[in-house]
Amino acid sequence: MMKRRGKKRRAGYKRVSAENRLAMLAILLVVCLLFSVLLLEGLRLHDRIDAGMQREAELREEIRAEELRTESIEALNDYMLTDESVRQIAKDRLGLVESDELVLKSADEE
């Protein structure tokens, strides 16, 4: 009798083992699939991070260029508010002559 019980257990054990192997294979397949999906998404995310960092560097360069441009505009604005710039504009555009200057005209201009 004892031998029969042992055989029954072994036969049942092999059947359960085959079922377990199939289940383990299915689980392994799902885990591998999830791992590959996560790996691909990680690579895409890394590419997006690199693109974002490059864009950030470009924007920082643009900001610096605009700051320099703003400084030059402010300097020009400060110069334009001085009396010297007003005199220079009057001489160039309106022909202003100061009292201590000598004006020479050519014969063609008359």
N, C-alpha and C. Protein backbone atom coordinates (compact mmCIF):
# COMPACT_ATOMS: atom_id res chain seq x y z
N MET A 1 0.79 -1.18 0.00
CA MET A 1 0.00 0.00 0.00
C MET A 1 0.85 1.27 0.00
N MET A 2 1.87 1.22 0.71
CA MET A 2 2.70 2.40 0.80
C MET A 2 3.28 2.79 -0.56
N LYS A 3 3.59 1.83 -1.33
CA LYS A 3 4.19 2.13 -2.62
C LYS A 3 3.21 2.85 -3.54
N ARG A 4 1.96 2.46 -3.46
CA ARG A 4 0.97 3.08 -4.31
C ARG A 4 0.77 4.55 -3.95
N ARG A 5 0.75 4.83 -2.67
CA ARG A 5 0.58 6.21 -2.26
C ARG A 5 1.74 7.06 -2.76
N GLY A 6 2.94 6.55 -2.64
CA GLY A 6 4.12 7.29 -3.11
C GLY A 6 4.06 7.53 -4.59
N LYS A 7 3.61 6.57 -5.35
CA LYS A 7 3.51 6.75 -6.79
C LYS A 7 2.45 7.78 -7.14
N LYS A 8 1.34 7.72 -6.41
CA LYS A 8 0.29 8.69 -6.68
C LYS A 8 0.79 10.11 -6.40
N ARG A 9 1.50 10.22 -5.33
CA ARG A 9 2.00 11.55 -5.00
C ARG A 9 3.00 12.03 -6.05
N ARG A 10 3.83 11.15 -6.48
CA ARG A 10 4.83 11.55 -7.48
C ARG A 10 4.16 11.91 -8.81
N ALA A 11 3.19 11.17 -9.22
CA ALA A 11 2.50 11.46 -10.47
C ALA A 11 1.78 12.80 -10.36
N GLY A 12 1.13 13.05 -9.25
CA GLY A 12 0.47 14.33 -9.03
C GLY A 12 1.47 15.46 -8.91
N TYR A 13 2.60 15.19 -8.31
CA TYR A 13 3.64 16.19 -8.15
C TYR A 13 4.18 16.62 -9.50
N LYS A 14 4.39 15.67 -10.40
CA LYS A 14 4.89 16.01 -11.73
C LYS A 14 3.87 16.85 -12.49
N ARG A 15 2.60 16.55 -12.34
CA ARG A 15 1.57 17.29 -13.01
C ARG A 15 1.51 18.73 -12.47
N VAL A 16 1.59 18.88 -11.18
CA VAL A 16 1.59 20.20 -10.57
C VAL A 16 2.86 20.95 -10.96
N SER A 17 3.96 20.27 -11.02
CA SER A 17 5.22 20.90 -11.40
C SER A 17 5.14 21.42 -12.84
N ALA A 18 4.55 20.67 -13.74
CA ALA A 18 4.41 21.11 -15.13
C ALA A 18 3.50 22.33 -15.19
N GLU A 19 2.43 22.33 -14.41
CA GLU A 19 1.55 23.48 -14.36
C GLU A 19 2.26 24.70 -13.78
N ASN A 20 3.06 24.44 -12.74
CA ASN A 20 3.83 25.54 -12.15
C ASN A 20 4.83 26.11 -13.13
N ARG A 21 5.45 25.25 -13.90
CA ARG A 21 6.43 25.73 -14.88
C ARG A 21 5.76 26.59 -15.94
N LEU A 22 4.59 26.18 -16.37
CA LEU A 22 3.86 26.96 -17.35
C LEU A 22 3.47 28.33 -16.77
N ALA A 23 3.01 28.33 -15.53
CA ALA A 23 2.65 29.59 -14.88
C ALA A 23 3.89 30.46 -14.69
N MET A 24 4.99 29.85 -14.28
CA MET A 24 6.23 30.62 -14.09
C MET A 24 6.72 31.19 -15.41
N LEU A 25 6.58 30.43 -16.49
CA LEU A 25 6.97 30.91 -17.82
C LEU A 25 6.10 32.09 -18.24
N ALA A 26 4.81 32.00 -17.96
CA ALA A 26 3.90 33.11 -18.30
C ALA A 26 4.27 34.35 -17.48
N ILE A 27 4.53 34.18 -16.21
CA ILE A 27 4.93 35.30 -15.36
C ILE A 27 6.24 35.90 -15.84
N LEU A 28 7.20 35.05 -16.20
CA LEU A 28 8.48 35.53 -16.71
C LEU A 28 8.29 36.32 -17.99
N LEU A 29 7.40 35.85 -18.85
CA LEU A 29 7.13 36.55 -20.09
C LEU A 29 6.52 37.93 -19.81
N VAL A 30 5.59 38.01 -18.89
CA VAL A 30 4.97 39.29 -18.54
C VAL A 30 6.01 40.23 -17.94
N VAL A 31 6.87 39.72 -17.06
CA VAL A 31 7.91 40.55 -16.44
C VAL A 31 8.87 41.06 -17.49
N CYS A 32 9.26 40.21 -18.44
CA CYS A 32 10.17 40.65 -19.51
C CYS A 32 9.50 41.72 -20.38
N LEU A 33 8.23 41.53 -20.65
CA LEU A 33 7.49 42.52 -21.44
C LEU A 33 7.43 43.86 -20.71
N LEU A 34 7.11 43.83 -19.43
CA LEU A 34 7.07 45.07 -18.65
C LEU A 34 8.44 45.73 -18.58
N PHE A 35 9.48 44.93 -18.40
CA PHE A 35 10.83 45.47 -18.34
C PHE A 35 11.21 46.16 -19.65
N SER A 36 10.87 45.52 -20.77
CA SER A 36 11.22 46.14 -22.06
C SER A 36 10.43 47.43 -22.29
N VAL A 37 9.16 47.45 -21.90
CA VAL A 37 8.36 48.67 -22.05
C VAL A 37 8.94 49.79 -21.18
N LEU A 38 9.29 49.47 -19.94
CA LEU A 38 9.87 50.48 -19.06
C LEU A 38 11.22 50.97 -19.57
N LEU A 39 12.01 50.07 -20.14
CA LEU A 39 13.30 50.46 -20.69
C LEU A 39 13.12 51.42 -21.87
N LEU A 40 12.20 51.12 -22.76
CA LEU A 40 11.95 52.00 -23.90
C LEU A 40 11.43 53.36 -23.45
N GLU A 41 10.51 53.37 -22.51
CA GLU A 41 10.00 54.64 -22.00
C GLU A 41 11.10 55.44 -21.31
N GLY A 42 11.98 54.76 -20.62
CA GLY A 42 13.11 55.44 -19.98
C GLY A 42 14.02 56.09 -21.00
N LEU A 43 14.26 55.40 -22.10
CA LEU A 43 15.11 55.97 -23.16
C LEU A 43 14.43 57.18 -23.80
N ARG A 44 13.12 57.08 -24.02
CA ARG A 44 12.41 58.23 -24.59
C ARG A 44 12.45 59.42 -23.64
N LEU A 45 12.27 59.13 -22.37
CA LEU A 45 12.30 60.20 -21.38
C LEU A 45 13.68 60.84 -21.32
N HIS A 46 14.72 60.03 -21.41
CA HIS A 46 16.09 60.55 -21.41
C HIS A 46 16.31 61.47 -22.61
N ASP A 47 15.80 61.08 -23.77
CA ASP A 47 15.93 61.93 -24.96
C ASP A 47 15.20 63.25 -24.77
N ARG A 48 14.02 63.19 -24.16
CA ARG A 48 13.26 64.42 -23.92
C ARG A 48 13.99 65.33 -22.93
N ILE A 49 14.62 64.73 -21.94
CA ILE A 49 15.38 65.52 -20.96
C ILE A 49 16.55 66.21 -21.65
N ASP A 50 17.25 65.48 -22.51
CA ASP A 50 18.38 66.08 -23.24
C ASP A 50 17.91 67.23 -24.13
N ALA A 51 16.79 67.03 -24.82
CA ALA A 51 16.25 68.10 -25.68
C ALA A 51 15.86 69.32 -24.84
N GLY A 52 15.27 69.07 -23.69
CA GLY A 52 14.89 70.17 -22.81
C GLY A 52 16.09 70.93 -22.29
N MET A 53 17.15 70.22 -21.95
CA MET A 53 18.36 70.88 -21.46
C MET A 53 19.00 71.71 -22.57
N GLN A 54 18.97 71.20 -23.79
CA GLN A 54 19.53 71.95 -24.92
C GLN A 54 18.70 73.21 -25.16
N ARG A 55 17.40 73.09 -25.09
CA ARG A 55 16.52 74.25 -25.28
C ARG A 55 16.75 75.28 -24.18
N GLU A 56 16.96 74.79 -22.95
CA GLU A 56 17.23 75.69 -21.82
C GLU A 56 18.51 76.48 -22.06
N ALA A 57 19.55 75.81 -22.57
CA ALA A 57 20.81 76.49 -22.85
C ALA A 57 20.63 77.55 -23.94
N GLU A 58 19.84 77.22 -24.97
CA GLU A 58 19.58 78.19 -26.03
C GLU A 58 18.83 79.41 -25.49
N LEU A 59 17.86 79.15 -24.64
CA LEU A 59 17.08 80.26 -24.08
C LEU A 59 17.94 81.13 -23.16
N ARG A 60 18.85 80.52 -22.42
CA ARG A 60 19.75 81.30 -21.57
C ARG A 60 20.64 82.21 -22.42
N GLU A 61 21.10 81.70 -23.56
CA GLU A 61 21.91 82.52 -24.46
C GLU A 61 21.08 83.69 -25.02
N GLU A 62 19.83 83.41 -25.38
CA GLU A 62 18.97 84.48 -25.88
C GLU A 62 18.71 85.53 -24.80
N ILE A 63 18.52 85.09 -23.58
CA ILE A 63 18.30 86.03 -22.47
C ILE A 63 19.51 86.91 -22.29
N ARG A 64 20.70 86.32 -22.31
CA ARG A 64 21.94 87.11 -22.15
C ARG A 64 22.09 88.12 -23.28
N ALA A 65 21.78 87.72 -24.51
CA ALA A 65 21.87 88.64 -25.65
C ALA A 65 20.88 89.79 -25.49
N GLU A 66 19.68 89.48 -25.04
CA GLU A 66 18.68 90.54 -24.83
C GLU A 66 19.07 91.46 -23.68
N GLU A 67 19.70 90.93 -22.64
CA GLU A 67 20.18 91.77 -21.55
C GLU A 67 21.26 92.74 -22.03
N LEU A 68 22.17 92.25 -22.87
CA LEU A 68 23.20 93.13 -23.44
C LEU A 68 22.57 94.20 -24.33
N ARG A 69 21.58 93.80 -25.11
CA ARG A 69 20.89 94.76 -25.98
C ARG A 69 20.17 95.81 -25.14
N THR A 70 19.55 95.39 -24.05
CA THR A 70 18.86 96.34 -23.16
C THR A 70 19.84 97.32 -22.55
N GLU A 71 21.01 96.83 -22.15
CA GLU A 71 22.03 97.72 -21.58
C GLU A 71 22.49 98.75 -22.60
N SER A 72 22.69 98.33 -23.86
CA SER A 72 23.13 99.28 -24.88
C SER A 72 22.03 100.30 -25.19
N ILE A 73 20.77 99.87 -25.18
CA ILE A 73 19.67 100.81 -25.41
C ILE A 73 19.57 101.81 -24.28
N GLU A 74 19.75 101.35 -23.05
CA GLU A 74 19.71 102.28 -21.91
C GLU A 74 20.87 103.27 -21.96
N ALA A 75 22.05 102.80 -22.38
CA ALA A 75 23.19 103.70 -22.50
C ALA A 75 22.93 104.75 -23.59
N LEU A 76 22.35 104.32 -24.71
CA LEU A 76 22.02 105.26 -25.79
C LEU A 76 20.95 106.25 -25.33
N ASN A 77 19.99 105.78 -24.56
CA ASN A 77 18.94 106.65 -24.03
C ASN A 77 19.55 107.71 -23.10
N ASP A 78 20.47 107.28 -22.24
CA ASP A 78 21.13 108.24 -21.34
C ASP A 78 21.91 109.28 -22.14
N TYR A 79 22.58 108.85 -23.22
CA TYR A 79 23.34 109.78 -24.06
C TYR A 79 22.39 110.75 -24.77
N MET A 80 21.26 110.26 -25.23
CA MET A 80 20.33 111.10 -25.96
C MET A 80 19.73 112.20 -25.07
N LEU A 81 19.75 112.03 -23.77
CA LEU A 81 19.21 113.04 -22.86
C LEU A 81 20.21 114.12 -22.50
N THR A 82 21.45 114.01 -22.98
CA THR A 82 22.46 115.01 -22.66
C THR A 82 22.38 116.18 -23.64
N ASP A 83 22.93 117.33 -23.21
CA ASP A 83 22.95 118.53 -24.06
C ASP A 83 23.83 118.31 -25.28
N GLU A 84 24.88 117.56 -25.12
CA GLU A 84 25.81 117.31 -26.23
C GLU A 84 25.09 116.61 -27.38
N SER A 85 24.29 115.61 -27.07
CA SER A 85 23.57 114.89 -28.14
C SER A 85 22.54 115.79 -28.80
N VAL A 86 21.89 116.67 -28.03
CA VAL A 86 20.91 117.59 -28.60
C VAL A 86 21.60 118.54 -29.56
N ARG A 87 22.77 119.05 -29.21
CA ARG A 87 23.53 119.95 -30.10
C ARG A 87 23.94 119.22 -31.37
N GLN A 88 24.40 117.99 -31.21
CA GLN A 88 24.86 117.21 -32.36
C GLN A 88 23.70 116.95 -33.32
N ILE A 89 22.55 116.63 -32.81
CA ILE A 89 21.38 116.39 -33.67
C ILE A 89 20.96 117.70 -34.35
N ALA A 90 21.01 118.79 -33.64
CA ALA A 90 20.65 120.08 -34.23
C ALA A 90 21.62 120.46 -35.33
N LYS A 91 22.90 120.19 -35.15
CA LYS A 91 23.88 120.48 -36.20
C LYS A 91 23.65 119.60 -37.42
N ASP A 92 23.46 118.32 -37.19
CA ASP A 92 23.33 117.38 -38.31
C ASP A 92 22.03 117.58 -39.08
N ARG A 93 20.92 117.73 -38.39
CA ARG A 93 19.61 117.75 -39.06
C ARG A 93 19.12 119.17 -39.38
N LEU A 94 19.43 120.11 -38.50
CA LEU A 94 18.88 121.45 -38.68
C LEU A 94 19.90 122.48 -39.13
N GLY A 95 21.17 122.11 -39.16
CA GLY A 95 22.21 123.04 -39.61
C GLY A 95 22.54 124.10 -38.57
N LEU A 96 22.45 123.79 -37.31
CA LEU A 96 22.76 124.73 -36.23
C LEU A 96 24.22 125.15 -36.30
N VAL A 97 24.46 126.45 -36.14
CA VAL A 97 25.81 126.98 -36.11
C VAL A 97 25.94 127.76 -34.82
N GLU A 98 26.96 127.46 -34.06
CA GLU A 98 27.16 128.16 -32.80
C GLU A 98 27.88 129.48 -33.08
N SER A 99 27.87 130.36 -32.11
CA SER A 99 28.38 131.73 -32.31
C SER A 99 29.88 131.77 -32.58
N ASP A 100 30.64 130.83 -32.11
CA ASP A 100 32.10 130.88 -32.33
C ASP A 100 32.54 130.05 -33.53
N GLU A 101 31.62 129.55 -34.34
CA GLU A 101 31.97 128.72 -35.50
C GLU A 101 31.94 129.57 -36.77
N LEU A 102 32.76 129.19 -37.71
CA LEU A 102 32.85 129.85 -39.00
C LEU A 102 32.21 128.95 -40.05
N VAL A 103 31.30 129.48 -40.83
CA VAL A 103 30.60 128.69 -41.83
C VAL A 103 31.14 129.05 -43.20
N LEU A 104 31.56 128.06 -43.94
CA LEU A 104 32.04 128.26 -45.30
C LEU A 104 31.07 127.61 -46.26
N LYS A 105 30.70 128.30 -47.30
CA LYS A 105 29.80 127.75 -48.30
C LYS A 105 30.51 127.74 -49.63
N SER A 106 30.22 126.74 -50.40
CA SER A 106 30.80 126.70 -51.74
C SER A 106 29.92 127.51 -52.69
N ALA A 107 30.45 127.86 -53.81
CA ALA A 107 29.70 128.67 -54.78
C ALA A 107 28.52 127.90 -55.34
N ASP A 108 28.58 126.59 -55.36
CA ASP A 108 27.48 125.77 -55.89
C ASP A 108 26.28 125.79 -54.98
N GLU A 109 26.44 125.98 -53.70
CA GLU A 109 25.32 125.92 -52.75
C GLU A 109 24.45 127.17 -52.83
N GLU A 110 24.95 128.28 -53.30
CA GLU A 110 24.19 129.53 -53.31
C GLU A 110 23.25 129.58 -54.40
